[in-house]
Amino acid sequence: MEFEAADALNRAIRVIGRKHRARAAELLRELGLNPGQEIVLLELDAHGPGTQIQLAIGCECEPPTLTQLAQKLEAAGLTARQPSPTDARATIVSLTEQGLALIGPLKERWVRLANATVAGLTKTDPAALREVTTDLARRIWPDGSGPQPIVGRSSPAARSSKAT
């Protein structure tokens, strides 16, 4: 690929990410959430309570980032953190009743975000776009050195690829 094509591709991906995150932030703000917090809540909804390490892997973020997210969600009353009964080094995160009550409205906004993202596409079918972006996300670390799901939990990208 020539530089001009590479530059155009990289810029397009950056712009898409920036605009998508900004639109997500608007929708999440309606629920009192900040970007990143929704992924933790959705991961807990999909897989139930888990250690912070499991959640970091499932949410595809670094453990210190997950710790900070879990602390903020706990302070907001949406999650609870407790020591693991089997591993003194681990902390288990779970949804509270307040967190569970937010899942429906969160999923509704997540669907609105996806629909707004693909609204007006004329050359690309949304299902084809999902396949391409999932493939692209997998290829960013073709050697497998990037974030990997652990046994019993899977990343959002891995779950979406299983569904197709």
N, C-alpha and C. Protein backbone atom coordinates (compact mmCIF):
# COMPACT_ATOMS: atom_id res chain seq x y z
N MET A 1 0.85 -1.17 0.00
CA MET A 1 0.00 0.00 0.00
C MET A 1 0.90 1.24 0.00
N GLU A 2 0.54 2.18 -0.81
CA GLU A 2 1.28 3.45 -0.89
C GLU A 2 0.95 4.31 0.33
N PHE A 3 1.85 5.27 0.63
CA PHE A 3 1.65 6.13 1.79
C PHE A 3 0.30 6.84 1.76
N GLU A 4 -0.08 7.41 0.62
CA GLU A 4 -1.32 8.19 0.54
C GLU A 4 -2.52 7.33 0.91
N ALA A 5 -2.56 6.10 0.40
CA ALA A 5 -3.67 5.20 0.72
C ALA A 5 -3.63 4.81 2.20
N ALA A 6 -2.43 4.53 2.71
CA ALA A 6 -2.30 4.17 4.12
C ALA A 6 -2.73 5.33 5.02
N ASP A 7 -2.31 6.53 4.65
CA ASP A 7 -2.68 7.71 5.43
C ASP A 7 -4.20 7.91 5.42
N ALA A 8 -4.81 7.77 4.27
CA ALA A 8 -6.27 7.93 4.18
C ALA A 8 -7.00 6.88 5.02
N LEU A 9 -6.53 5.64 4.96
CA LEU A 9 -7.15 4.56 5.75
C LEU A 9 -6.98 4.83 7.24
N ASN A 10 -5.78 5.15 7.66
CA ASN A 10 -5.53 5.40 9.09
C ASN A 10 -6.32 6.59 9.60
N ARG A 11 -6.41 7.63 8.80
CA ARG A 11 -7.21 8.81 9.20
C ARG A 11 -8.69 8.44 9.31
N ALA A 12 -9.19 7.68 8.35
CA ALA A 12 -10.61 7.31 8.37
C ALA A 12 -10.93 6.49 9.62
N ILE A 13 -10.07 5.55 9.95
CA ILE A 13 -10.29 4.72 11.15
C ILE A 13 -10.24 5.59 12.40
N ARG A 14 -9.29 6.52 12.46
CA ARG A 14 -9.19 7.42 13.61
C ARG A 14 -10.44 8.29 13.74
N VAL A 15 -10.91 8.84 12.63
CA VAL A 15 -12.09 9.71 12.66
C VAL A 15 -13.33 8.92 13.06
N ILE A 16 -13.48 7.73 12.52
CA ILE A 16 -14.62 6.89 12.89
C ILE A 16 -14.60 6.62 14.39
N GLY A 17 -13.45 6.23 14.91
CA GLY A 17 -13.34 5.96 16.34
C GLY A 17 -13.67 7.18 17.19
N ARG A 18 -13.13 8.33 16.81
CA ARG A 18 -13.35 9.56 17.56
C ARG A 18 -14.83 9.96 17.54
N LYS A 19 -15.45 9.93 16.36
CA LYS A 19 -16.86 10.33 16.25
C LYS A 19 -17.79 9.33 16.94
N HIS A 20 -17.48 8.05 16.82
CA HIS A 20 -18.30 7.02 17.47
C HIS A 20 -18.23 7.19 18.98
N ARG A 21 -17.04 7.42 19.50
CA ARG A 21 -16.87 7.60 20.95
C ARG A 21 -17.62 8.85 21.42
N ALA A 22 -17.58 9.92 20.65
CA ALA A 22 -18.27 11.15 21.02
C ALA A 22 -19.78 10.93 21.06
N ARG A 23 -20.31 10.24 20.05
CA ARG A 23 -21.76 9.95 20.03
C ARG A 23 -22.13 9.03 21.17
N ALA A 24 -21.28 8.03 21.45
CA ALA A 24 -21.52 7.13 22.58
C ALA A 24 -21.54 7.92 23.88
N ALA A 25 -20.61 8.86 24.03
CA ALA A 25 -20.54 9.67 25.25
C ALA A 25 -21.84 10.44 25.47
N GLU A 26 -22.41 10.98 24.38
CA GLU A 26 -23.68 11.70 24.50
C GLU A 26 -24.78 10.79 25.03
N LEU A 27 -24.89 9.61 24.45
CA LEU A 27 -25.93 8.67 24.85
C LEU A 27 -25.71 8.14 26.26
N LEU A 28 -24.46 7.88 26.61
CA LEU A 28 -24.15 7.36 27.94
C LEU A 28 -24.38 8.42 29.01
N ARG A 29 -24.12 9.67 28.66
CA ARG A 29 -24.33 10.78 29.61
C ARG A 29 -25.79 10.82 30.08
N GLU A 30 -26.72 10.43 29.19
CA GLU A 30 -28.14 10.38 29.56
C GLU A 30 -28.37 9.44 30.74
N LEU A 31 -27.49 8.47 30.90
CA LEU A 31 -27.60 7.49 31.98
C LEU A 31 -26.65 7.77 33.14
N GLY A 32 -25.91 8.87 33.04
CA GLY A 32 -24.95 9.19 34.07
C GLY A 32 -23.66 8.39 33.97
N LEU A 33 -23.38 7.84 32.77
CA LEU A 33 -22.19 7.03 32.56
C LEU A 33 -21.18 7.77 31.69
N ASN A 34 -19.94 7.36 31.80
CA ASN A 34 -18.87 7.84 30.94
C ASN A 34 -18.41 6.70 30.04
N PRO A 35 -17.83 7.03 28.87
CA PRO A 35 -17.35 5.96 27.99
C PRO A 35 -16.39 5.01 28.72
N GLY A 36 -16.57 3.74 28.46
CA GLY A 36 -15.78 2.70 29.11
C GLY A 36 -16.58 2.00 30.19
N GLN A 37 -17.38 2.76 30.92
CA GLN A 37 -18.18 2.15 31.98
C GLN A 37 -19.23 1.20 31.43
N GLU A 38 -19.77 1.53 30.27
CA GLU A 38 -20.81 0.68 29.68
C GLU A 38 -20.29 -0.71 29.36
N ILE A 39 -19.03 -0.79 28.95
CA ILE A 39 -18.46 -2.09 28.59
C ILE A 39 -18.38 -2.99 29.82
N VAL A 40 -18.02 -2.43 30.96
CA VAL A 40 -17.96 -3.21 32.20
C VAL A 40 -19.35 -3.69 32.57
N LEU A 41 -20.33 -2.80 32.51
CA LEU A 41 -21.70 -3.19 32.86
C LEU A 41 -22.23 -4.27 31.92
N LEU A 42 -21.99 -4.11 30.63
CA LEU A 42 -22.46 -5.11 29.66
C LEU A 42 -21.73 -6.44 29.83
N GLU A 43 -20.46 -6.39 30.15
CA GLU A 43 -19.69 -7.63 30.39
C GLU A 43 -20.24 -8.36 31.62
N LEU A 44 -20.52 -7.62 32.68
CA LEU A 44 -21.09 -8.23 33.89
C LEU A 44 -22.48 -8.79 33.61
N ASP A 45 -23.26 -8.09 32.81
CA ASP A 45 -24.59 -8.58 32.46
C ASP A 45 -24.50 -9.87 31.65
N ALA A 46 -23.56 -9.92 30.72
CA ALA A 46 -23.43 -11.09 29.84
C ALA A 46 -22.84 -12.30 30.55
N HIS A 47 -21.91 -12.07 31.49
CA HIS A 47 -21.16 -13.19 32.06
C HIS A 47 -21.26 -13.32 33.57
N GLY A 48 -21.95 -12.41 34.22
CA GLY A 48 -22.07 -12.47 35.67
C GLY A 48 -20.81 -11.97 36.36
N PRO A 49 -20.79 -12.07 37.68
CA PRO A 49 -19.65 -11.56 38.44
C PRO A 49 -18.33 -12.19 37.98
N GLY A 50 -17.28 -11.40 38.12
CA GLY A 50 -15.96 -11.89 37.73
C GLY A 50 -14.87 -11.12 38.43
N THR A 51 -13.68 -11.69 38.39
CA THR A 51 -12.55 -10.98 38.96
C THR A 51 -12.22 -9.78 38.09
N GLN A 52 -11.50 -8.85 38.67
CA GLN A 52 -11.13 -7.67 37.90
C GLN A 52 -10.24 -8.06 36.73
N ILE A 53 -9.42 -9.08 36.89
CA ILE A 53 -8.58 -9.54 35.77
C ILE A 53 -9.45 -10.12 34.66
N GLN A 54 -10.43 -10.95 35.02
CA GLN A 54 -11.35 -11.50 34.01
C GLN A 54 -12.08 -10.38 33.28
N LEU A 55 -12.54 -9.40 34.04
CA LEU A 55 -13.25 -8.28 33.42
C LEU A 55 -12.33 -7.46 32.52
N ALA A 56 -11.09 -7.24 32.96
CA ALA A 56 -10.15 -6.49 32.12
C ALA A 56 -9.96 -7.19 30.79
N ILE A 57 -9.84 -8.49 30.82
CA ILE A 57 -9.66 -9.25 29.58
C ILE A 57 -10.94 -9.20 28.74
N GLY A 58 -12.08 -9.44 29.37
CA GLY A 58 -13.35 -9.41 28.65
C GLY A 58 -13.66 -8.04 28.07
N CYS A 59 -13.26 -7.00 28.78
CA CYS A 59 -13.50 -5.62 28.32
C CYS A 59 -12.38 -5.11 27.43
N GLU A 60 -11.36 -5.92 27.23
CA GLU A 60 -10.22 -5.57 26.39
C GLU A 60 -9.57 -4.26 26.85
N CYS A 61 -9.26 -4.20 28.15
CA CYS A 61 -8.56 -3.04 28.68
C CYS A 61 -7.50 -3.53 29.67
N GLU A 62 -6.64 -2.63 30.06
CA GLU A 62 -5.58 -2.96 31.00
C GLU A 62 -6.15 -3.08 32.41
N PRO A 63 -5.60 -3.96 33.25
CA PRO A 63 -6.11 -4.12 34.63
C PRO A 63 -6.19 -2.81 35.42
N PRO A 64 -5.19 -1.90 35.36
CA PRO A 64 -5.35 -0.65 36.11
C PRO A 64 -6.54 0.19 35.63
N THR A 65 -6.82 0.14 34.33
CA THR A 65 -7.98 0.85 33.78
C THR A 65 -9.26 0.26 34.33
N LEU A 66 -9.33 -1.08 34.34
CA LEU A 66 -10.52 -1.76 34.85
C LEU A 66 -10.70 -1.45 36.33
N THR A 67 -9.62 -1.44 37.09
CA THR A 67 -9.72 -1.12 38.52
C THR A 67 -10.34 0.25 38.72
N GLN A 68 -9.88 1.22 37.95
CA GLN A 68 -10.42 2.58 38.05
C GLN A 68 -11.90 2.62 37.66
N LEU A 69 -12.25 1.91 36.57
CA LEU A 69 -13.66 1.86 36.15
C LEU A 69 -14.52 1.21 37.23
N ALA A 70 -14.03 0.10 37.80
CA ALA A 70 -14.79 -0.61 38.84
C ALA A 70 -14.98 0.26 40.07
N GLN A 71 -13.97 1.02 40.45
CA GLN A 71 -14.09 1.92 41.60
C GLN A 71 -15.15 2.99 41.35
N LYS A 72 -15.15 3.57 40.15
CA LYS A 72 -16.12 4.61 39.83
C LYS A 72 -17.54 4.04 39.76
N LEU A 73 -17.68 2.85 39.19
CA LEU A 73 -19.00 2.22 39.11
C LEU A 73 -19.49 1.85 40.50
N GLU A 74 -18.58 1.42 41.37
CA GLU A 74 -18.96 1.10 42.74
C GLU A 74 -19.39 2.37 43.48
N ALA A 75 -18.66 3.45 43.31
CA ALA A 75 -19.00 4.73 43.95
C ALA A 75 -20.37 5.22 43.49
N ALA A 76 -20.74 4.90 42.24
CA ALA A 76 -22.05 5.29 41.70
C ALA A 76 -23.15 4.33 42.12
N GLY A 77 -22.79 3.25 42.81
CA GLY A 77 -23.78 2.28 43.27
C GLY A 77 -24.20 1.26 42.22
N LEU A 78 -23.47 1.19 41.11
CA LEU A 78 -23.84 0.29 40.01
C LEU A 78 -23.20 -1.08 40.11
N THR A 79 -22.07 -1.16 40.79
CA THR A 79 -21.40 -2.44 40.99
C THR A 79 -20.96 -2.55 42.44
N ALA A 80 -20.66 -3.77 42.83
CA ALA A 80 -20.10 -4.04 44.16
C ALA A 80 -18.82 -4.82 43.95
N ARG A 81 -17.83 -4.54 44.80
CA ARG A 81 -16.57 -5.27 44.74
C ARG A 81 -16.38 -5.97 46.08
N GLN A 82 -16.01 -7.26 46.00
CA GLN A 82 -15.78 -8.04 47.21
C GLN A 82 -14.54 -8.89 47.02
N PRO A 83 -13.85 -9.18 48.12
CA PRO A 83 -12.70 -10.09 48.00
C PRO A 83 -13.15 -11.47 47.51
N SER A 84 -12.32 -12.10 46.72
CA SER A 84 -12.62 -13.46 46.24
C SER A 84 -12.55 -14.42 47.42
N PRO A 85 -13.52 -15.34 47.50
CA PRO A 85 -13.46 -16.33 48.58
C PRO A 85 -12.37 -17.38 48.37
N THR A 86 -11.85 -17.46 47.14
CA THR A 86 -10.86 -18.50 46.84
C THR A 86 -9.47 -17.98 46.56
N ASP A 87 -9.33 -16.66 46.36
CA ASP A 87 -8.02 -16.08 46.04
C ASP A 87 -7.91 -14.73 46.74
N ALA A 88 -7.09 -14.68 47.77
CA ALA A 88 -6.96 -13.45 48.57
C ALA A 88 -6.46 -12.27 47.76
N ARG A 89 -5.84 -12.53 46.61
CA ARG A 89 -5.32 -11.44 45.78
C ARG A 89 -6.36 -10.87 44.83
N ALA A 90 -7.48 -11.56 44.67
CA ALA A 90 -8.47 -11.18 43.65
C ALA A 90 -9.67 -10.46 44.27
N THR A 91 -10.27 -9.60 43.46
CA THR A 91 -11.49 -8.90 43.83
C THR A 91 -12.56 -9.28 42.81
N ILE A 92 -13.74 -9.64 43.32
CA ILE A 92 -14.88 -9.99 42.47
C ILE A 92 -15.77 -8.77 42.30
N VAL A 93 -16.15 -8.50 41.07
CA VAL A 93 -17.04 -7.37 40.76
C VAL A 93 -18.37 -7.95 40.30
N SER A 94 -19.46 -7.38 40.79
CA SER A 94 -20.80 -7.82 40.39
C SER A 94 -21.70 -6.59 40.24
N LEU A 95 -22.79 -6.78 39.51
CA LEU A 95 -23.79 -5.72 39.36
C LEU A 95 -24.63 -5.63 40.63
N THR A 96 -24.98 -4.42 41.02
CA THR A 96 -25.94 -4.22 42.10
C THR A 96 -27.34 -4.17 41.48
N GLU A 97 -28.35 -4.06 42.31
CA GLU A 97 -29.71 -3.90 41.79
C GLU A 97 -29.81 -2.65 40.93
N GLN A 98 -29.16 -1.59 41.37
CA GLN A 98 -29.16 -0.34 40.60
C GLN A 98 -28.47 -0.54 39.25
N GLY A 99 -27.38 -1.31 39.24
CA GLY A 99 -26.69 -1.61 38.00
C GLY A 99 -27.54 -2.46 37.08
N LEU A 100 -28.20 -3.46 37.65
CA LEU A 100 -29.09 -4.31 36.85
C LEU A 100 -30.21 -3.49 36.22
N ALA A 101 -30.74 -2.53 36.98
CA ALA A 101 -31.83 -1.70 36.47
C ALA A 101 -31.38 -0.82 35.30
N LEU A 102 -30.10 -0.56 35.21
CA LEU A 102 -29.57 0.30 34.14
C LEU A 102 -29.31 -0.48 32.84
N ILE A 103 -29.25 -1.80 32.92
CA ILE A 103 -28.89 -2.61 31.75
C ILE A 103 -29.87 -2.42 30.60
N GLY A 104 -31.17 -2.46 30.85
CA GLY A 104 -32.15 -2.27 29.77
C GLY A 104 -31.97 -0.94 29.05
N PRO A 105 -31.97 0.18 29.79
CA PRO A 105 -31.74 1.47 29.13
C PRO A 105 -30.37 1.55 28.44
N LEU A 106 -29.37 0.92 29.01
CA LEU A 106 -28.04 0.91 28.39
C LEU A 106 -28.07 0.17 27.06
N LYS A 107 -28.69 -1.00 27.05
CA LYS A 107 -28.77 -1.77 25.80
C LYS A 107 -29.57 -1.00 24.74
N GLU A 108 -30.62 -0.32 25.17
CA GLU A 108 -31.43 0.47 24.23
C GLU A 108 -30.56 1.56 23.59
N ARG A 109 -29.73 2.22 24.38
CA ARG A 109 -28.86 3.26 23.82
C ARG A 109 -27.75 2.66 22.97
N TRP A 110 -27.29 1.48 23.31
CA TRP A 110 -26.26 0.80 22.52
C TRP A 110 -26.82 0.47 21.14
N VAL A 111 -28.08 0.05 21.08
CA VAL A 111 -28.75 -0.22 19.80
C VAL A 111 -28.94 1.08 19.03
N ARG A 112 -29.36 2.14 19.72
CA ARG A 112 -29.50 3.44 19.05
C ARG A 112 -28.19 3.90 18.46
N LEU A 113 -27.09 3.72 19.20
CA LEU A 113 -25.77 4.11 18.70
C LEU A 113 -25.43 3.32 17.44
N ALA A 114 -25.64 2.02 17.47
CA ALA A 114 -25.33 1.20 16.28
C ALA A 114 -26.20 1.62 15.10
N ASN A 115 -27.49 1.83 15.34
CA ASN A 115 -28.38 2.24 14.26
C ASN A 115 -27.98 3.60 13.69
N ALA A 116 -27.62 4.54 14.57
CA ALA A 116 -27.19 5.86 14.10
C ALA A 116 -25.88 5.76 13.32
N THR A 117 -25.03 4.83 13.72
CA THR A 117 -23.74 4.66 13.06
C THR A 117 -23.90 4.19 11.62
N VAL A 118 -24.86 3.33 11.38
CA VAL A 118 -25.02 2.77 10.03
C VAL A 118 -26.14 3.44 9.23
N ALA A 119 -26.87 4.37 9.86
CA ALA A 119 -27.96 5.05 9.16
C ALA A 119 -27.42 5.77 7.93
N GLY A 120 -28.09 5.58 6.83
CA GLY A 120 -27.72 6.29 5.61
C GLY A 120 -26.62 5.62 4.80
N LEU A 121 -26.12 4.49 5.24
CA LEU A 121 -25.12 3.80 4.42
C LEU A 121 -25.77 3.39 3.11
N THR A 122 -25.09 3.65 2.01
CA THR A 122 -25.64 3.29 0.71
C THR A 122 -24.83 2.22 0.01
N LYS A 123 -23.55 2.07 0.37
CA LYS A 123 -22.69 1.12 -0.33
C LYS A 123 -22.32 -0.09 0.52
N THR A 124 -22.69 -0.08 1.80
CA THR A 124 -22.27 -1.16 2.69
C THR A 124 -23.45 -1.62 3.53
N ASP A 125 -23.69 -2.92 3.51
CA ASP A 125 -24.71 -3.53 4.34
C ASP A 125 -24.20 -3.57 5.79
N PRO A 126 -25.02 -3.22 6.79
CA PRO A 126 -24.56 -3.24 8.17
C PRO A 126 -23.96 -4.58 8.61
N ALA A 127 -24.52 -5.69 8.15
CA ALA A 127 -23.96 -6.99 8.51
C ALA A 127 -22.57 -7.17 7.91
N ALA A 128 -22.39 -6.72 6.67
CA ALA A 128 -21.07 -6.79 6.04
C ALA A 128 -20.08 -5.88 6.76
N LEU A 129 -20.56 -4.72 7.17
CA LEU A 129 -19.70 -3.80 7.92
C LEU A 129 -19.25 -4.43 9.23
N ARG A 130 -20.15 -5.10 9.93
CA ARG A 130 -19.80 -5.78 11.18
C ARG A 130 -18.74 -6.84 10.93
N GLU A 131 -18.89 -7.59 9.85
CA GLU A 131 -17.89 -8.62 9.51
C GLU A 131 -16.53 -7.99 9.22
N VAL A 132 -16.52 -6.93 8.44
CA VAL A 132 -15.26 -6.27 8.07
C VAL A 132 -14.59 -5.68 9.31
N THR A 133 -15.35 -4.98 10.15
CA THR A 133 -14.74 -4.36 11.32
C THR A 133 -14.28 -5.40 12.33
N THR A 134 -15.01 -6.49 12.46
CA THR A 134 -14.58 -7.58 13.35
C THR A 134 -13.29 -8.19 12.82
N ASP A 135 -13.23 -8.42 11.52
CA ASP A 135 -12.01 -8.96 10.90
C ASP A 135 -10.85 -7.99 11.09
N LEU A 136 -11.09 -6.71 10.87
CA LEU A 136 -10.06 -5.70 11.03
C LEU A 136 -9.55 -5.67 12.48
N ALA A 137 -10.47 -5.71 13.45
CA ALA A 137 -10.07 -5.70 14.86
C ALA A 137 -9.19 -6.91 15.19
N ARG A 138 -9.53 -8.07 14.62
CA ARG A 138 -8.72 -9.28 14.86
C ARG A 138 -7.34 -9.16 14.23
N ARG A 139 -7.23 -8.43 13.15
CA ARG A 139 -5.97 -8.35 12.41
C ARG A 139 -5.00 -7.32 12.99
N ILE A 140 -5.46 -6.49 13.90
CA ILE A 140 -4.57 -5.48 14.45
C ILE A 140 -3.39 -6.13 15.17
N TRP A 141 -3.62 -7.27 15.81
CA TRP A 141 -2.54 -8.06 16.42
C TRP A 141 -2.54 -9.44 15.77
N PRO A 142 -2.07 -9.53 14.52
CA PRO A 142 -2.15 -10.82 13.81
C PRO A 142 -1.34 -11.92 14.47
N ASP A 143 -0.33 -11.57 15.28
CA ASP A 143 0.47 -12.60 15.94
C ASP A 143 -0.16 -13.07 17.24
N GLY A 144 -1.33 -12.52 17.58
CA GLY A 144 -2.01 -12.94 18.80
C GLY A 144 -1.47 -12.29 20.06
N SER A 145 -0.63 -11.26 19.92
CA SER A 145 -0.03 -10.64 21.10
C SER A 145 -0.95 -9.65 21.79
N GLY A 146 -2.07 -9.33 21.19
CA GLY A 146 -2.99 -8.36 21.79
C GLY A 146 -3.84 -9.00 22.87
N PRO A 147 -4.82 -8.25 23.37
CA PRO A 147 -5.70 -8.77 24.44
C PRO A 147 -6.35 -10.07 24.02
N GLN A 148 -6.34 -11.03 24.93
CA GLN A 148 -6.92 -12.34 24.67
C GLN A 148 -7.94 -12.69 25.73
N PRO A 149 -9.08 -13.29 25.34
CA PRO A 149 -10.04 -13.73 26.34
C PRO A 149 -9.49 -14.91 27.12
N ILE A 150 -9.93 -15.07 28.37
CA ILE A 150 -9.52 -16.22 29.15
C ILE A 150 -10.64 -17.22 29.18
N VAL A 151 -10.36 -18.43 29.62
CA VAL A 151 -11.35 -19.50 29.64
C VAL A 151 -12.56 -19.06 30.45
N GLY A 152 -13.74 -19.27 29.89
CA GLY A 152 -14.97 -18.97 30.58
C GLY A 152 -15.50 -17.57 30.32
N ARG A 153 -14.70 -16.71 29.76
CA ARG A 153 -15.14 -15.35 29.43
C ARG A 153 -14.58 -15.04 28.06
N SER A 154 -15.30 -14.24 27.32
CA SER A 154 -14.80 -13.88 26.01
C SER A 154 -14.96 -12.39 25.79
N SER A 155 -14.14 -11.88 24.92
CA SER A 155 -14.20 -10.45 24.60
C SER A 155 -15.43 -10.15 23.77
N PRO A 156 -15.87 -8.89 23.75
CA PRO A 156 -17.01 -8.54 22.90
C PRO A 156 -16.77 -8.91 21.45
N ALA A 157 -15.54 -8.72 20.95
CA ALA A 157 -15.25 -9.04 19.56
C ALA A 157 -15.35 -10.55 19.32
N ALA A 158 -14.87 -11.33 20.27
CA ALA A 158 -14.94 -12.79 20.13
C ALA A 158 -16.38 -13.26 20.16
N ARG A 159 -17.21 -12.65 21.04
CA ARG A 159 -18.61 -13.04 21.10
C ARG A 159 -19.32 -12.70 19.81
N SER A 160 -19.04 -11.52 19.23
CA SER A 160 -19.73 -11.14 18.01
C SER A 160 -19.31 -12.01 16.85
N SER A 161 -18.05 -12.49 16.84
CA SER A 161 -17.62 -13.35 15.74
C SER A 161 -18.24 -14.73 15.87
N LYS A 162 -18.54 -15.17 17.10
CA LYS A 162 -19.20 -16.45 17.29
C LYS A 162 -20.65 -16.39 16.80
N ALA A 163 -21.24 -15.20 16.91
CA ALA A 163 -22.65 -15.04 16.53
C ALA A 163 -22.83 -15.01 15.02
N THR A 164 -21.74 -14.78 14.27
CA THR A 164 -21.89 -14.68 12.82
C THR A 164 -21.65 -16.00 12.16
